[in-house]
All heavy atoms as atom14 arrays in JSON, in Angstrom:
{
  "sequence": "IVLVLQSLTLLSQWTGNAPQQRAYADVTDALNTRGQAVDE",
  "atom14_mask": [
    [1, 1, 1, 1, 1, 1, 1, 1, 0, 0, 0, 0, 0, 0],
    [1, 1, 1, 1, 1, 1, 1, 0, 0, 0, 0, 0, 0, 0],
    [1, 1, 1, 1, 1, 1, 1, 1, 0, 0, 0, 0, 0, 0],
    [1, 1, 1, 1, 1, 1, 1, 0, 0, 0, 0, 0, 0, 0],
    [1, 1, 1, 1, 1, 1, 1, 1, 0, 0, 0, 0, 0, 0],
    [1, 1, 1, 1, 1, 1, 1, 1, 1, 0, 0, 0, 0, 0],
    [1, 1, 1, 1, 1, 1, 0, 0, 0, 0, 0, 0, 0, 0],
    [1, 1, 1, 1, 1, 1, 1, 1, 0, 0, 0, 0, 0, 0],
    [1, 1, 1, 1, 1, 1, 1, 0, 0, 0, 0, 0, 0, 0],
    [1, 1, 1, 1, 1, 1, 1, 1, 0, 0, 0, 0, 0, 0],
    [1, 1, 1, 1, 1, 1, 1, 1, 0, 0, 0, 0, 0, 0],
    [1, 1, 1, 1, 1, 1, 0, 0, 0, 0, 0, 0, 0, 0],
    [1, 1, 1, 1, 1, 1, 1, 1, 1, 0, 0, 0, 0, 0],
    [1, 1, 1, 1, 1, 1, 1, 1, 1, 1, 1, 1, 1, 1],
    [1, 1, 1, 1, 1, 1, 1, 0, 0, 0, 0, 0, 0, 0],
    [1, 1, 1, 1, 0, 0, 0, 0, 0, 0, 0, 0, 0, 0],
    [1, 1, 1, 1, 1, 1, 1, 1, 0, 0, 0, 0, 0, 0],
    [1, 1, 1, 1, 1, 0, 0, 0, 0, 0, 0, 0, 0, 0],
    [1, 1, 1, 1, 1, 1, 1, 0, 0, 0, 0, 0, 0, 0],
    [1, 1, 1, 1, 1, 1, 1, 1, 1, 0, 0, 0, 0, 0],
    [1, 1, 1, 1, 1, 1, 1, 1, 1, 0, 0, 0, 0, 0],
    [1, 1, 1, 1, 1, 1, 1, 1, 1, 1, 1, 0, 0, 0],
    [1, 1, 1, 1, 1, 0, 0, 0, 0, 0, 0, 0, 0, 0],
    [1, 1, 1, 1, 1, 1, 1, 1, 1, 1, 1, 1, 0, 0],
    [1, 1, 1, 1, 1, 0, 0, 0, 0, 0, 0, 0, 0, 0],
    [1, 1, 1, 1, 1, 1, 1, 1, 0, 0, 0, 0, 0, 0],
    [1, 1, 1, 1, 1, 1, 1, 0, 0, 0, 0, 0, 0, 0],
    [1, 1, 1, 1, 1, 1, 1, 0, 0, 0, 0, 0, 0, 0],
    [1, 1, 1, 1, 1, 1, 1, 1, 0, 0, 0, 0, 0, 0],
    [1, 1, 1, 1, 1, 0, 0, 0, 0, 0, 0, 0, 0, 0],
    [1, 1, 1, 1, 1, 1, 1, 1, 0, 0, 0, 0, 0, 0],
    [1, 1, 1, 1, 1, 1, 1, 1, 0, 0, 0, 0, 0, 0],
    [1, 1, 1, 1, 1, 1, 1, 0, 0, 0, 0, 0, 0, 0],
    [1, 1, 1, 1, 1, 1, 1, 1, 1, 1, 1, 0, 0, 0],
    [1, 1, 1, 1, 0, 0, 0, 0, 0, 0, 0, 0, 0, 0],
    [1, 1, 1, 1, 1, 1, 1, 1, 1, 0, 0, 0, 0, 0],
    [1, 1, 1, 1, 1, 0, 0, 0, 0, 0, 0, 0, 0, 0],
    [1, 1, 1, 1, 1, 1, 1, 0, 0, 0, 0, 0, 0, 0],
    [1, 1, 1, 1, 1, 1, 1, 1, 0, 0, 0, 0, 0, 0],
    [1, 1, 1, 1, 1, 1, 1, 1, 1, 0, 0, 0, 0, 0]
  ],
  "atom14_positions": [
    [[55.17, 31.93, 39.3], [53.91, 31.71, 40.03], [52.74, 31.6, 39.04], [51.89, 30.72, 39.15], [53.68, 32.83, 41.05], [54.71, 32.72, 42.18], [52.28, 32.75, 41.63], [54.69, 33.89, 43.13], [0.0, 0.0, 0.0], [0.0, 0.0, 0.0], [0.0, 0.0, 0.0], [0.0, 0.0, 0.0], [0.0, 0.0, 0.0], [0.0, 0.0, 0.0]],
    [[52.72, 32.48, 38.05], [51.65, 32.45, 37.05], [51.71, 31.15, 36.27], [50.68, 30.51, 36.01], [51.74, 33.68, 36.12], [50.81, 33.53, 34.92], [51.43, 34.95, 36.88], [0.0, 0.0, 0.0], [0.0, 0.0, 0.0], [0.0, 0.0, 0.0], [0.0, 0.0, 0.0], [0.0, 0.0, 0.0], [0.0, 0.0, 0.0], [0.0, 0.0, 0.0]],
    [[52.92, 30.71, 35.91], [53.07, 29.46, 35.17], [52.6, 28.26, 35.98], [51.92, 27.37, 35.47], [54.54, 29.28, 34.75], [54.87, 28.03, 33.96], [54.16, 28.08, 32.61], [56.36, 27.88, 33.78], [0.0, 0.0, 0.0], [0.0, 0.0, 0.0], [0.0, 0.0, 0.0], [0.0, 0.0, 0.0], [0.0, 0.0, 0.0], [0.0, 0.0, 0.0]],
    [[52.9, 28.24, 37.26], [52.47, 27.14, 38.13], [50.95, 27.13, 38.25], [50.31, 26.07, 38.16], [53.15, 27.25, 39.52], [52.52, 26.29, 40.51], [54.64, 26.99, 39.39], [0.0, 0.0, 0.0], [0.0, 0.0, 0.0], [0.0, 0.0, 0.0], [0.0, 0.0, 0.0], [0.0, 0.0, 0.0], [0.0, 0.0, 0.0], [0.0, 0.0, 0.0]],
    [[50.36, 28.28, 38.46], [48.9, 28.35, 38.59], [48.21, 27.93, 37.29], [47.2, 27.23, 37.31], [48.48, 29.76, 39.01], [48.84, 30.15, 40.44], [48.47, 31.62, 40.69], [48.16, 29.25, 41.44], [0.0, 0.0, 0.0], [0.0, 0.0, 0.0], [0.0, 0.0, 0.0], [0.0, 0.0, 0.0], [0.0, 0.0, 0.0], [0.0, 0.0, 0.0]],
    [[48.72, 28.36, 36.16], [48.12, 27.98, 34.89], [48.26, 26.49, 34.64], [47.33, 25.85, 34.14], [48.75, 28.77, 33.74], [48.29, 30.2, 33.69], [48.87, 30.95, 32.5], [49.83, 30.49, 31.88], [48.29, 32.11, 32.2], [0.0, 0.0, 0.0], [0.0, 0.0, 0.0], [0.0, 0.0, 0.0], [0.0, 0.0, 0.0], [0.0, 0.0, 0.0]],
    [[49.41, 25.94, 35.01], [49.58, 24.49, 34.81], [48.66, 23.7, 35.74], [48.12, 22.66, 35.35], [51.04, 24.09, 35.01], [51.46, 24.41, 36.31], [0.0, 0.0, 0.0], [0.0, 0.0, 0.0], [0.0, 0.0, 0.0], [0.0, 0.0, 0.0], [0.0, 0.0, 0.0], [0.0, 0.0, 0.0], [0.0, 0.0, 0.0], [0.0, 0.0, 0.0]],
    [[48.43, 24.16, 36.95], [47.48, 23.5, 37.85], [46.06, 23.58, 37.29], [45.29, 22.61, 37.38], [47.54, 24.12, 39.24], [48.77, 23.76, 40.09], [48.75, 24.56, 41.39], [48.82, 22.28, 40.35], [0.0, 0.0, 0.0], [0.0, 0.0, 0.0], [0.0, 0.0, 0.0], [0.0, 0.0, 0.0], [0.0, 0.0, 0.0], [0.0, 0.0, 0.0]],
    [[45.71, 24.72, 36.74], [44.38, 24.87, 36.14], [44.22, 23.93, 34.95], [43.19, 23.25, 34.81], [44.17, 26.33, 35.68], [44.34, 27.2, 36.78], [42.78, 26.52, 35.09], [0.0, 0.0, 0.0], [0.0, 0.0, 0.0], [0.0, 0.0, 0.0], [0.0, 0.0, 0.0], [0.0, 0.0, 0.0], [0.0, 0.0, 0.0], [0.0, 0.0, 0.0]],
    [[45.22, 23.86, 34.11], [45.18, 22.97, 32.95], [45.11, 21.51, 33.39], [44.33, 20.73, 32.83], [46.4, 23.22, 32.07], [46.45, 22.52, 30.73], [45.26, 22.95, 29.88], [47.75, 22.82, 30.02], [0.0, 0.0, 0.0], [0.0, 0.0, 0.0], [0.0, 0.0, 0.0], [0.0, 0.0, 0.0], [0.0, 0.0, 0.0], [0.0, 0.0, 0.0]],
    [[45.88, 21.14, 34.38], [45.87, 19.77, 34.89], [44.51, 19.4, 35.46], [43.99, 18.3, 35.22], [46.96, 19.59, 35.95], [47.08, 18.21, 36.57], [47.52, 17.21, 35.51], [48.06, 18.24, 37.73], [0.0, 0.0, 0.0], [0.0, 0.0, 0.0], [0.0, 0.0, 0.0], [0.0, 0.0, 0.0], [0.0, 0.0, 0.0], [0.0, 0.0, 0.0]],
    [[43.9, 20.31, 36.21], [42.59, 20.01, 36.8], [41.51, 19.9, 35.73], [40.56, 19.11, 35.87], [42.22, 21.07, 37.84], [42.0, 22.3, 37.21], [0.0, 0.0, 0.0], [0.0, 0.0, 0.0], [0.0, 0.0, 0.0], [0.0, 0.0, 0.0], [0.0, 0.0, 0.0], [0.0, 0.0, 0.0], [0.0, 0.0, 0.0], [0.0, 0.0, 0.0]],
    [[41.64, 20.64, 34.63], [40.66, 20.53, 33.55], [40.82, 19.2, 32.81], [39.84, 18.59, 32.4], [40.79, 21.69, 32.58], [40.27, 22.99, 33.15], [40.44, 24.15, 32.19], [41.09, 24.04, 31.15], [39.86, 25.29, 32.54], [0.0, 0.0, 0.0], [0.0, 0.0, 0.0], [0.0, 0.0, 0.0], [0.0, 0.0, 0.0], [0.0, 0.0, 0.0]],
    [[42.05, 18.76, 32.61], [42.28, 17.49, 31.92], [41.82, 16.31, 32.74], [41.27, 15.35, 32.23], [43.77, 17.33, 31.6], [44.17, 17.97, 30.32], [43.38, 18.4, 29.32], [45.51, 18.26, 29.91], [44.11, 18.93, 28.3], [45.43, 18.86, 28.64], [46.76, 18.08, 30.49], [46.54, 19.27, 27.94], [47.88, 18.48, 29.79], [47.77, 19.07, 28.53]],
    [[42.04, 16.37, 34.04], [41.67, 15.23, 34.88], [40.2, 15.26, 35.27], [39.69, 14.27, 35.79], [42.54, 15.19, 36.15], [42.35, 16.41, 36.88], [44.0, 15.0, 35.81], [0.0, 0.0, 0.0], [0.0, 0.0, 0.0], [0.0, 0.0, 0.0], [0.0, 0.0, 0.0], [0.0, 0.0, 0.0], [0.0, 0.0, 0.0], [0.0, 0.0, 0.0]],
    [[39.54, 16.34, 35.05], [38.12, 16.42, 35.36], [37.84, 16.73, 36.81], [36.73, 16.56, 37.29], [0.0, 0.0, 0.0], [0.0, 0.0, 0.0], [0.0, 0.0, 0.0], [0.0, 0.0, 0.0], [0.0, 0.0, 0.0], [0.0, 0.0, 0.0], [0.0, 0.0, 0.0], [0.0, 0.0, 0.0], [0.0, 0.0, 0.0], [0.0, 0.0, 0.0]],
    [[38.83, 17.15, 37.55], [38.64, 17.47, 38.96], [38.41, 18.96, 39.19], [38.63, 19.45, 40.29], [39.87, 17.01, 39.76], [40.01, 15.52, 39.76], [39.01, 14.81, 39.66], [41.24, 15.03, 39.89], [0.0, 0.0, 0.0], [0.0, 0.0, 0.0], [0.0, 0.0, 0.0], [0.0, 0.0, 0.0], [0.0, 0.0, 0.0], [0.0, 0.0, 0.0]],
    [[38.01, 19.66, 38.17], [37.77, 21.1, 38.31], [36.55, 21.31, 39.21], [35.59, 20.54, 39.17], [37.53, 21.73, 36.95], [0.0, 0.0, 0.0], [0.0, 0.0, 0.0], [0.0, 0.0, 0.0], [0.0, 0.0, 0.0], [0.0, 0.0, 0.0], [0.0, 0.0, 0.0], [0.0, 0.0, 0.0], [0.0, 0.0, 0.0], [0.0, 0.0, 0.0]],
    [[36.63, 22.29, 40.06], [35.46, 22.55, 40.92], [34.27, 22.97, 40.06], [34.37, 23.84, 39.21], [35.92, 23.69, 41.82], [37.07, 24.32, 41.11], [37.69, 23.25, 40.28], [0.0, 0.0, 0.0], [0.0, 0.0, 0.0], [0.0, 0.0, 0.0], [0.0, 0.0, 0.0], [0.0, 0.0, 0.0], [0.0, 0.0, 0.0], [0.0, 0.0, 0.0]],
    [[33.16, 22.32, 40.29], [31.96, 22.61, 39.51], [31.01, 23.44, 40.35], [30.76, 23.13, 41.51], [31.3, 21.32, 39.07], [32.17, 20.49, 38.15], [31.49, 19.2, 37.75], [30.38, 18.92, 38.17], [32.17, 18.43, 36.92], [0.0, 0.0, 0.0], [0.0, 0.0, 0.0], [0.0, 0.0, 0.0], [0.0, 0.0, 0.0], [0.0, 0.0, 0.0]],
    [[30.49, 24.44, 39.73], [29.52, 25.28, 40.41], [28.15, 24.98, 39.84], [27.97, 24.82, 38.64], [29.85, 26.76, 40.19], [31.17, 27.17, 40.79], [31.48, 28.62, 40.49], [30.81, 29.26, 39.7], [32.51, 29.13, 41.14], [0.0, 0.0, 0.0], [0.0, 0.0, 0.0], [0.0, 0.0, 0.0], [0.0, 0.0, 0.0], [0.0, 0.0, 0.0]],
    [[27.21, 24.9, 40.73], [25.84, 24.65, 40.29], [25.2, 25.97, 39.86], [25.4, 27.0, 40.48], [25.02, 24.03, 41.4], [25.48, 22.66, 41.77], [24.58, 22.09, 42.83], [25.05, 20.78, 43.21], [24.4, 19.66, 42.89], [23.27, 19.72, 42.22], [24.87, 18.5, 43.27], [0.0, 0.0, 0.0], [0.0, 0.0, 0.0], [0.0, 0.0, 0.0]],
    [[24.44, 25.87, 38.82], [23.72, 27.05, 38.33], [22.29, 27.0, 38.86], [21.58, 26.0, 38.69], [23.71, 27.07, 36.82], [0.0, 0.0, 0.0], [0.0, 0.0, 0.0], [0.0, 0.0, 0.0], [0.0, 0.0, 0.0], [0.0, 0.0, 0.0], [0.0, 0.0, 0.0], [0.0, 0.0, 0.0], [0.0, 0.0, 0.0], [0.0, 0.0, 0.0]],
    [[21.91, 28.03, 39.53], [20.55, 28.11, 40.07], [19.78, 29.15, 39.27], [20.28, 30.23, 38.99], [20.57, 28.51, 41.55], [21.23, 27.47, 42.42], [22.54, 27.62, 42.86], [20.54, 26.32, 42.79], [23.14, 26.67, 43.66], [21.14, 25.36, 43.59], [22.44, 25.54, 44.02], [23.03, 24.6, 44.81], [0.0, 0.0, 0.0], [0.0, 0.0, 0.0]],
    [[18.58, 28.8, 38.95], [17.74, 29.73, 38.19], [16.4, 29.86, 38.9], [15.96, 28.95, 39.61], [17.53, 29.23, 36.77], [0.0, 0.0, 0.0], [0.0, 0.0, 0.0], [0.0, 0.0, 0.0], [0.0, 0.0, 0.0], [0.0, 0.0, 0.0], [0.0, 0.0, 0.0], [0.0, 0.0, 0.0], [0.0, 0.0, 0.0], [0.0, 0.0, 0.0]],
    [[15.77, 30.99, 38.7], [14.43, 31.18, 39.26], [13.45, 30.33, 38.47], [13.42, 30.36, 37.25], [14.0, 32.63, 39.16], [14.56, 33.47, 40.29], [14.96, 32.88, 41.3], [14.6, 34.7, 40.14], [0.0, 0.0, 0.0], [0.0, 0.0, 0.0], [0.0, 0.0, 0.0], [0.0, 0.0, 0.0], [0.0, 0.0, 0.0], [0.0, 0.0, 0.0]],
    [[12.67, 29.59, 39.21], [11.63, 28.8, 38.57], [10.37, 29.65, 38.59], [9.85, 30.0, 39.64], [11.39, 27.48, 39.33], [10.29, 26.68, 38.68], [12.68, 26.68, 39.39], [0.0, 0.0, 0.0], [0.0, 0.0, 0.0], [0.0, 0.0, 0.0], [0.0, 0.0, 0.0], [0.0, 0.0, 0.0], [0.0, 0.0, 0.0], [0.0, 0.0, 0.0]],
    [[9.93, 30.02, 37.41], [8.75, 30.87, 37.34], [7.5, 30.02, 37.47], [7.45, 28.86, 37.06], [8.7, 31.64, 36.0], [8.71, 30.69, 34.94], [9.9, 32.55, 35.87], [0.0, 0.0, 0.0], [0.0, 0.0, 0.0], [0.0, 0.0, 0.0], [0.0, 0.0, 0.0], [0.0, 0.0, 0.0], [0.0, 0.0, 0.0], [0.0, 0.0, 0.0]],
    [[6.52, 30.62, 38.04], [5.25, 29.94, 38.19], [4.42, 30.25, 36.95], [3.7, 31.24, 36.89], [4.56, 30.43, 39.46], [3.28, 29.67, 39.76], [3.05, 28.63, 39.11], [2.53, 30.11, 40.64], [0.0, 0.0, 0.0], [0.0, 0.0, 0.0], [0.0, 0.0, 0.0], [0.0, 0.0, 0.0], [0.0, 0.0, 0.0], [0.0, 0.0, 0.0]],
    [[4.55, 29.4, 35.94], [3.91, 29.65, 34.65], [2.4, 29.69, 34.76], [1.74, 30.51, 34.12], [4.34, 28.59, 33.64], [0.0, 0.0, 0.0], [0.0, 0.0, 0.0], [0.0, 0.0, 0.0], [0.0, 0.0, 0.0], [0.0, 0.0, 0.0], [0.0, 0.0, 0.0], [0.0, 0.0, 0.0], [0.0, 0.0, 0.0], [0.0, 0.0, 0.0]],
    [[1.84, 28.83, 35.59], [0.39, 28.79, 35.72], [-0.14, 30.08, 36.33], [-1.14, 30.63, 35.86], [-0.02, 27.59, 36.58], [-1.51, 27.32, 36.7], [-2.11, 27.06, 35.32], [-1.76, 26.13, 37.6], [0.0, 0.0, 0.0], [0.0, 0.0, 0.0], [0.0, 0.0, 0.0], [0.0, 0.0, 0.0], [0.0, 0.0, 0.0], [0.0, 0.0, 0.0]],
    [[0.55, 30.59, 37.34], [0.13, 31.84, 37.97], [0.27, 33.01, 37.0], [-0.59, 33.88, 36.92], [0.95, 32.09, 39.23], [0.42, 33.25, 40.04], [-0.74, 33.61, 39.94], [1.28, 33.84, 40.83], [0.0, 0.0, 0.0], [0.0, 0.0, 0.0], [0.0, 0.0, 0.0], [0.0, 0.0, 0.0], [0.0, 0.0, 0.0], [0.0, 0.0, 0.0]],
    [[1.34, 33.03, 36.24], [1.57, 34.1, 35.26], [0.5, 34.09, 34.18], [-0.02, 35.14, 33.8], [2.96, 33.94, 34.62], [3.94, 33.88, 35.66], [3.27, 35.09, 33.7], [0.0, 0.0, 0.0], [0.0, 0.0, 0.0], [0.0, 0.0, 0.0], [0.0, 0.0, 0.0], [0.0, 0.0, 0.0], [0.0, 0.0, 0.0], [0.0, 0.0, 0.0]],
    [[0.17, 32.91, 33.7], [-0.89, 32.81, 32.68], [-2.23, 33.23, 33.25], [-3.04, 33.87, 32.58], [-0.95, 31.39, 32.14], [0.2, 31.06, 31.25], [0.02, 29.7, 30.59], [1.24, 29.34, 29.9], [1.9, 28.2, 30.08], [1.43, 27.31, 30.93], [2.99, 27.95, 29.42], [0.0, 0.0, 0.0], [0.0, 0.0, 0.0], [0.0, 0.0, 0.0]],
    [[-2.48, 32.86, 34.51], [-3.74, 33.25, 35.15], [-3.87, 34.75, 35.26], [-4.95, 35.31, 35.03], [0.0, 0.0, 0.0], [0.0, 0.0, 0.0], [0.0, 0.0, 0.0], [0.0, 0.0, 0.0], [0.0, 0.0, 0.0], [0.0, 0.0, 0.0], [0.0, 0.0, 0.0], [0.0, 0.0, 0.0], [0.0, 0.0, 0.0], [0.0, 0.0, 0.0]],
    [[-2.76, 35.41, 35.6], [-2.78, 36.88, 35.69], [-3.03, 37.49, 34.31], [-3.77, 38.46, 34.19], [-1.47, 37.4, 36.26], [-1.29, 37.11, 37.73], [0.08, 37.53, 38.24], [0.97, 37.83, 37.45], [0.24, 37.53, 39.54], [0.0, 0.0, 0.0], [0.0, 0.0, 0.0], [0.0, 0.0, 0.0], [0.0, 0.0, 0.0], [0.0, 0.0, 0.0]],
    [[-2.41, 36.92, 33.28], [-2.61, 37.45, 31.92], [-4.06, 37.27, 31.49], [-4.65, 38.17, 30.88], [-1.67, 36.74, 30.95], [0.0, 0.0, 0.0], [0.0, 0.0, 0.0], [0.0, 0.0, 0.0], [0.0, 0.0, 0.0], [0.0, 0.0, 0.0], [0.0, 0.0, 0.0], [0.0, 0.0, 0.0], [0.0, 0.0, 0.0], [0.0, 0.0, 0.0]],
    [[-4.66, 36.14, 31.83], [-6.06, 35.9, 31.47], [-6.96, 36.88, 32.2], [-7.91, 37.45, 31.62], [-6.45, 34.44, 31.78], [-7.95, 34.24, 31.7], [-5.74, 33.5, 30.83], [0.0, 0.0, 0.0], [0.0, 0.0, 0.0], [0.0, 0.0, 0.0], [0.0, 0.0, 0.0], [0.0, 0.0, 0.0], [0.0, 0.0, 0.0], [0.0, 0.0, 0.0]],
    [[-6.68, 37.14, 33.49], [-7.48, 38.1, 34.25], [-7.39, 39.5, 33.66], [-8.39, 40.21, 33.57], [-7.03, 38.13, 35.72], [-7.37, 36.84, 36.45], [-8.25, 36.08, 35.96], [-6.75, 36.59, 37.52], [0.0, 0.0, 0.0], [0.0, 0.0, 0.0], [0.0, 0.0, 0.0], [0.0, 0.0, 0.0], [0.0, 0.0, 0.0], [0.0, 0.0, 0.0]],
    [[-6.18, 39.9, 33.25], [-6.02, 41.22, 32.65], [-6.75, 41.32, 31.31], [-7.33, 42.35, 30.98], [-4.54, 41.54, 32.47], [-3.82, 41.79, 33.79], [-2.36, 42.08, 33.62], [-1.93, 42.41, 32.49], [-1.63, 41.97, 34.62], [0.0, 0.0, 0.0], [0.0, 0.0, 0.0], [0.0, 0.0, 0.0], [0.0, 0.0, 0.0], [0.0, 0.0, 0.0]]
  ]
}
């Protein structure tokens, strides 16, 4: 079972059909942050 799963993983990486996950990041509000720093 482990050999079959590893071979499927290897096959999907070679063919480029690996599931891709999107990376989400927090978008900081640079203008607001700078404004707060200037006020301080």
